[in-house]
Amino acid sequence: MDNDHLALYLLDVSGHGLRAALPALAVINLLRSQNLSQVDYYQPNQVLTGLNKTFQMTDTNDKYFTIWYGVYNCKSRQLSYASAGHPPAILLTPNSEQELIETQLKNPGLPVGMFPEAKYVNKSLLIDSLSKLYVFSDGIYEIEQEDGTMIGLSHFLSMLRDCQKDNLPSLDWLINRLQSSNIREKFYDDLSIVEVTFKESF
């Protein structure tokens, strides 16, 4: 965004494959160009409101999408965020005993495109050094296991904590672990995950 602010976001369009990818590209291009009218891009709730006005299902072949959108101030270490029907982002923060404190960053809000009058709310918090932020789509935990059950969010979060141990290459380890639990040869749903590490000098 500028030298002091970083936009962090992940969106998940309804459907699979190319039919979902093309609308996602349109959204990403609009966010990068910052061409939403009358929107302060430093206010996540305004960004989601602007997207919701632009991408209504009646104009996008009945496509809607969820999105988690945050703005990080590198100087103040404050993260502001809003969500439109997206899974909570997860913040893992080591305490003085090197234990991981888990914080779920979730906000109320309907998926973008469903209702023109949908409202979105900002929340904010200060980020400690060496914290890690994970933003992901629901496809990463809606994976069927051999016993017919889904991995589920709570089990996925347990995996997420496990991959912080012993300096494992966390995302590679995590994806391999998910695939080993998957009853199918390939992932059924599209899945995405973003990992951000907040270093002391960031």
Protein backbone atom coordinates (compact mmCIF):
# COMPACT_ATOMS: atom_id res chain seq x y z
CA MET A 1 0.00 0.00 0.00
CA ASP A 2 2.82 2.33 1.04
CA ASN A 3 6.09 2.09 2.97
CA ASP A 4 4.29 1.76 6.31
CA HIS A 5 1.20 -0.30 5.49
CA LEU A 6 0.70 -3.81 4.17
CA ALA A 7 -2.59 -5.22 2.86
CA LEU A 8 -3.22 -8.87 3.75
CA TYR A 9 -6.15 -10.70 2.23
CA LEU A 10 -7.46 -14.00 0.96
CA LEU A 11 -10.70 -14.66 -0.91
CA ASP A 12 -12.61 -17.79 -1.85
CA VAL A 13 -15.10 -17.69 -4.73
CA SER A 14 -18.01 -20.13 -4.77
CA GLY A 15 -17.48 -23.07 -7.10
CA HIS A 16 -14.34 -24.81 -8.28
CA GLY A 17 -11.61 -24.51 -10.88
CA LEU A 18 -11.61 -21.96 -13.70
CA ARG A 19 -15.19 -20.82 -13.07
CA ALA A 20 -14.09 -19.64 -9.63
CA ALA A 21 -10.63 -18.43 -10.67
CA LEU A 22 -11.78 -15.84 -13.22
CA PRO A 23 -13.96 -13.83 -10.79
CA ALA A 24 -11.15 -14.05 -8.22
CA LEU A 25 -8.74 -12.42 -10.69
CA ALA A 26 -11.19 -9.57 -11.24
CA VAL A 27 -11.39 -8.95 -7.48
CA ILE A 28 -7.61 -9.12 -7.02
CA ASN A 29 -7.02 -6.67 -9.87
CA LEU A 30 -9.50 -4.24 -8.34
CA LEU A 31 -7.82 -4.48 -4.94
CA ARG A 32 -4.35 -3.96 -6.41
CA SER A 33 -5.40 -0.98 -8.52
CA GLN A 34 -7.35 0.55 -5.61
CA ASN A 35 -10.04 1.69 -8.03
CA LEU A 36 -13.08 1.17 -5.82
CA SER A 37 -14.81 4.54 -5.68
CA GLN A 38 -15.26 6.36 -2.36
CA VAL A 39 -13.32 3.69 -0.47
CA ASP A 40 -10.53 4.27 2.06
CA TYR A 41 -8.31 1.25 1.44
CA TYR A 42 -6.82 1.61 4.93
CA GLN A 43 -10.26 0.75 6.39
CA PRO A 44 -11.00 -2.95 5.80
CA ASN A 45 -14.75 -2.59 6.35
CA GLN A 46 -14.94 0.06 3.62
CA VAL A 47 -13.05 -2.22 1.22
CA LEU A 48 -15.51 -5.06 1.81
CA THR A 49 -18.48 -2.71 1.46
CA GLY A 50 -17.08 -1.44 -1.83
CA LEU A 51 -16.54 -4.98 -3.11
CA ASN A 52 -20.05 -5.96 -2.09
CA LYS A 53 -21.55 -3.09 -4.05
CA THR A 54 -19.45 -4.00 -7.11
CA PHE A 55 -19.82 -7.79 -7.17
CA GLN A 56 -23.48 -8.60 -6.58
CA MET A 57 -24.58 -12.13 -7.53
CA THR A 58 -27.17 -10.76 -9.96
CA ASP A 59 -24.31 -9.32 -12.03
CA THR A 60 -21.75 -12.14 -11.65
CA ASN A 61 -23.57 -15.32 -12.78
CA ASP A 62 -24.68 -16.08 -9.22
CA LYS A 63 -21.10 -16.09 -7.95
CA TYR A 64 -20.35 -14.87 -4.42
CA PHE A 65 -17.17 -14.99 -2.40
CA THR A 66 -15.84 -14.88 1.13
CA ILE A 67 -12.86 -12.72 2.01
CA TRP A 68 -10.69 -11.86 5.00
CA TYR A 69 -9.00 -8.45 4.56
CA GLY A 70 -6.48 -6.84 6.89
CA VAL A 71 -4.22 -3.78 6.94
CA TYR A 72 -1.00 -3.94 8.97
CA ASN A 73 0.73 -0.76 10.14
CA CYS A 74 4.43 -1.62 10.21
CA LYS A 75 5.32 1.26 12.56
CA SER A 76 2.60 0.89 15.17
CA ARG A 77 2.34 -2.92 14.70
CA GLN A 78 -1.45 -2.59 14.62
CA LEU A 79 -3.48 -4.94 12.46
CA SER A 80 -6.99 -3.86 11.43
CA TYR A 81 -9.23 -6.42 9.76
CA ALA A 82 -12.73 -7.28 8.59
CA SER A 83 -14.31 -10.44 7.25
CA ALA A 84 -17.09 -11.34 4.82
CA GLY A 85 -18.18 -14.87 5.70
CA HIS A 86 -14.58 -16.14 5.73
CA PRO A 87 -13.02 -18.59 8.22
CA PRO A 88 -11.20 -16.82 11.06
CA ALA A 89 -7.57 -15.94 10.53
CA ILE A 90 -5.32 -17.49 13.18
CA LEU A 91 -2.62 -15.58 15.05
CA LEU A 92 -0.02 -17.68 16.90
CA THR A 93 2.07 -15.72 19.41
CA PRO A 94 4.88 -17.20 21.56
CA ASN A 95 4.80 -16.09 25.20
CA SER A 96 7.72 -15.81 27.64
CA GLU A 97 7.59 -19.59 28.24
CA GLN A 98 7.70 -20.17 24.46
CA GLU A 99 4.15 -21.48 24.53
CA LEU A 100 1.92 -20.55 21.60
CA ILE A 101 -1.07 -18.34 22.31
CA GLU A 102 -3.77 -18.81 19.69
CA THR A 103 -6.06 -15.93 18.75
CA GLN A 104 -8.88 -16.33 16.24
CA LEU A 105 -9.40 -13.14 14.24
CA LYS A 106 -13.03 -13.32 13.19
CA ASN A 107 -15.72 -10.76 12.44
CA PRO A 108 -19.40 -11.02 11.57
CA GLY A 109 -20.22 -10.36 7.94
CA LEU A 110 -22.06 -11.98 5.05
CA PRO A 111 -20.20 -13.21 1.95
CA VAL A 112 -19.68 -10.58 -0.72
CA GLY A 113 -22.41 -10.55 -3.37
CA MET A 114 -25.37 -11.92 -1.42
CA PHE A 115 -27.07 -8.77 -0.15
CA PRO A 116 -26.41 -5.16 -1.28
CA GLU A 117 -27.08 -3.81 2.21
CA ALA A 118 -24.60 -6.09 4.01
CA LYS A 119 -22.56 -4.35 6.72
CA TYR A 120 -18.96 -5.05 7.74
CA VAL A 121 -17.12 -4.23 10.95
CA ASN A 122 -13.48 -3.40 11.68
CA LYS A 123 -11.53 -4.93 14.54
CA SER A 124 -7.90 -4.28 15.44
CA LEU A 125 -5.13 -5.56 17.69
CA LEU A 126 -1.42 -5.07 18.30
CA ILE A 127 0.90 -7.75 16.94
CA ASP A 128 3.79 -9.02 19.08
CA SER A 129 7.18 -9.81 17.60
CA LEU A 130 7.63 -13.32 16.15
CA SER A 131 3.89 -13.85 15.85
CA LYS A 132 2.62 -15.78 12.84
CA LEU A 133 -0.63 -15.07 11.03
CA TYR A 134 -2.45 -17.70 8.97
CA VAL A 135 -5.27 -16.84 6.58
CA PHE A 136 -6.89 -19.76 4.75
CA SER A 137 -9.92 -20.97 2.82
CA ASP A 138 -12.37 -23.51 4.23
CA GLY A 139 -11.18 -26.11 1.70
CA ILE A 140 -8.09 -26.63 3.84
CA TYR A 141 -10.07 -28.29 6.64
CA GLU A 142 -13.10 -29.62 4.73
CA ILE A 143 -11.13 -32.71 3.73
CA GLU A 144 -12.67 -36.18 4.00
CA GLN A 145 -10.70 -38.76 5.98
CA GLU A 146 -10.76 -42.56 5.69
CA ASP A 147 -13.43 -42.86 8.39
CA GLY A 148 -15.76 -40.60 6.38
CA THR A 149 -15.44 -37.59 8.68
CA MET A 150 -14.07 -34.19 7.76
CA ILE A 151 -10.79 -32.97 9.28
CA GLY A 152 -12.67 -29.96 10.65
CA LEU A 153 -11.42 -26.62 11.90
CA SER A 154 -10.37 -27.70 15.40
CA HIS A 155 -8.26 -30.63 14.11
CA PHE A 156 -6.71 -28.38 11.47
CA LEU A 157 -5.76 -25.84 14.14
CA SER A 158 -4.11 -28.63 16.12
CA MET A 159 -2.05 -29.49 13.02
CA LEU A 160 -1.19 -25.81 12.64
CA ARG A 161 0.21 -25.70 16.16
CA ASP A 162 2.12 -28.96 15.64
CA CYS A 163 3.91 -27.61 12.59
CA GLN A 164 5.46 -24.82 14.69
CA LYS A 165 7.56 -27.37 16.56
CA ASP A 166 11.17 -28.28 15.88
CA ASN A 167 11.63 -25.60 13.19
CA LEU A 168 9.66 -27.60 10.64
CA PRO A 169 9.12 -25.98 7.21
CA SER A 170 5.58 -25.27 8.35
CA LEU A 171 3.51 -24.94 5.17
CA ASP A 172 5.19 -27.85 3.36
CA TRP A 173 4.78 -30.04 6.43
CA LEU A 174 1.18 -28.95 6.87
CA ILE A 175 0.12 -29.61 3.27
CA ASN A 176 1.80 -33.04 3.35
CA ARG A 177 -0.01 -33.84 6.60
CA LEU A 178 -3.34 -32.79 5.12
CA GLN A 179 -2.75 -34.86 2.00
CA SER A 180 -1.87 -37.92 4.06
CA SER A 181 -5.22 -37.54 5.85
CA ASN A 182 -7.13 -37.10 2.59
CA ILE A 183 -9.13 -40.12 1.41
CA ARG A 184 -8.83 -38.90 -2.19
CA GLU A 185 -5.72 -38.82 -4.35
CA LYS A 186 -6.20 -35.09 -4.91
CA PHE A 187 -7.82 -32.34 -2.87
CA TYR A 188 -11.52 -32.12 -3.78
CA ASP A 189 -11.92 -28.40 -3.06
CA ASP A 190 -9.70 -25.48 -3.96
CA LEU A 191 -7.58 -24.59 -0.96
CA SER A 192 -5.34 -21.66 -0.09
CA ILE A 193 -3.28 -20.61 2.91
CA VAL A 194 -1.13 -17.56 3.57
CA GLU A 195 1.52 -17.45 6.31
CA VAL A 196 2.90 -14.11 7.56
CA THR A 197 5.71 -13.90 10.13
CA PHE A 198 6.00 -10.61 12.03
CA LYS A 199 9.68 -10.14 12.80
CA GLU A 200 11.05 -7.56 15.22
CA SER A 201 12.42 -5.37 12.45
CA PHE A 202 9.28 -5.60 10.30
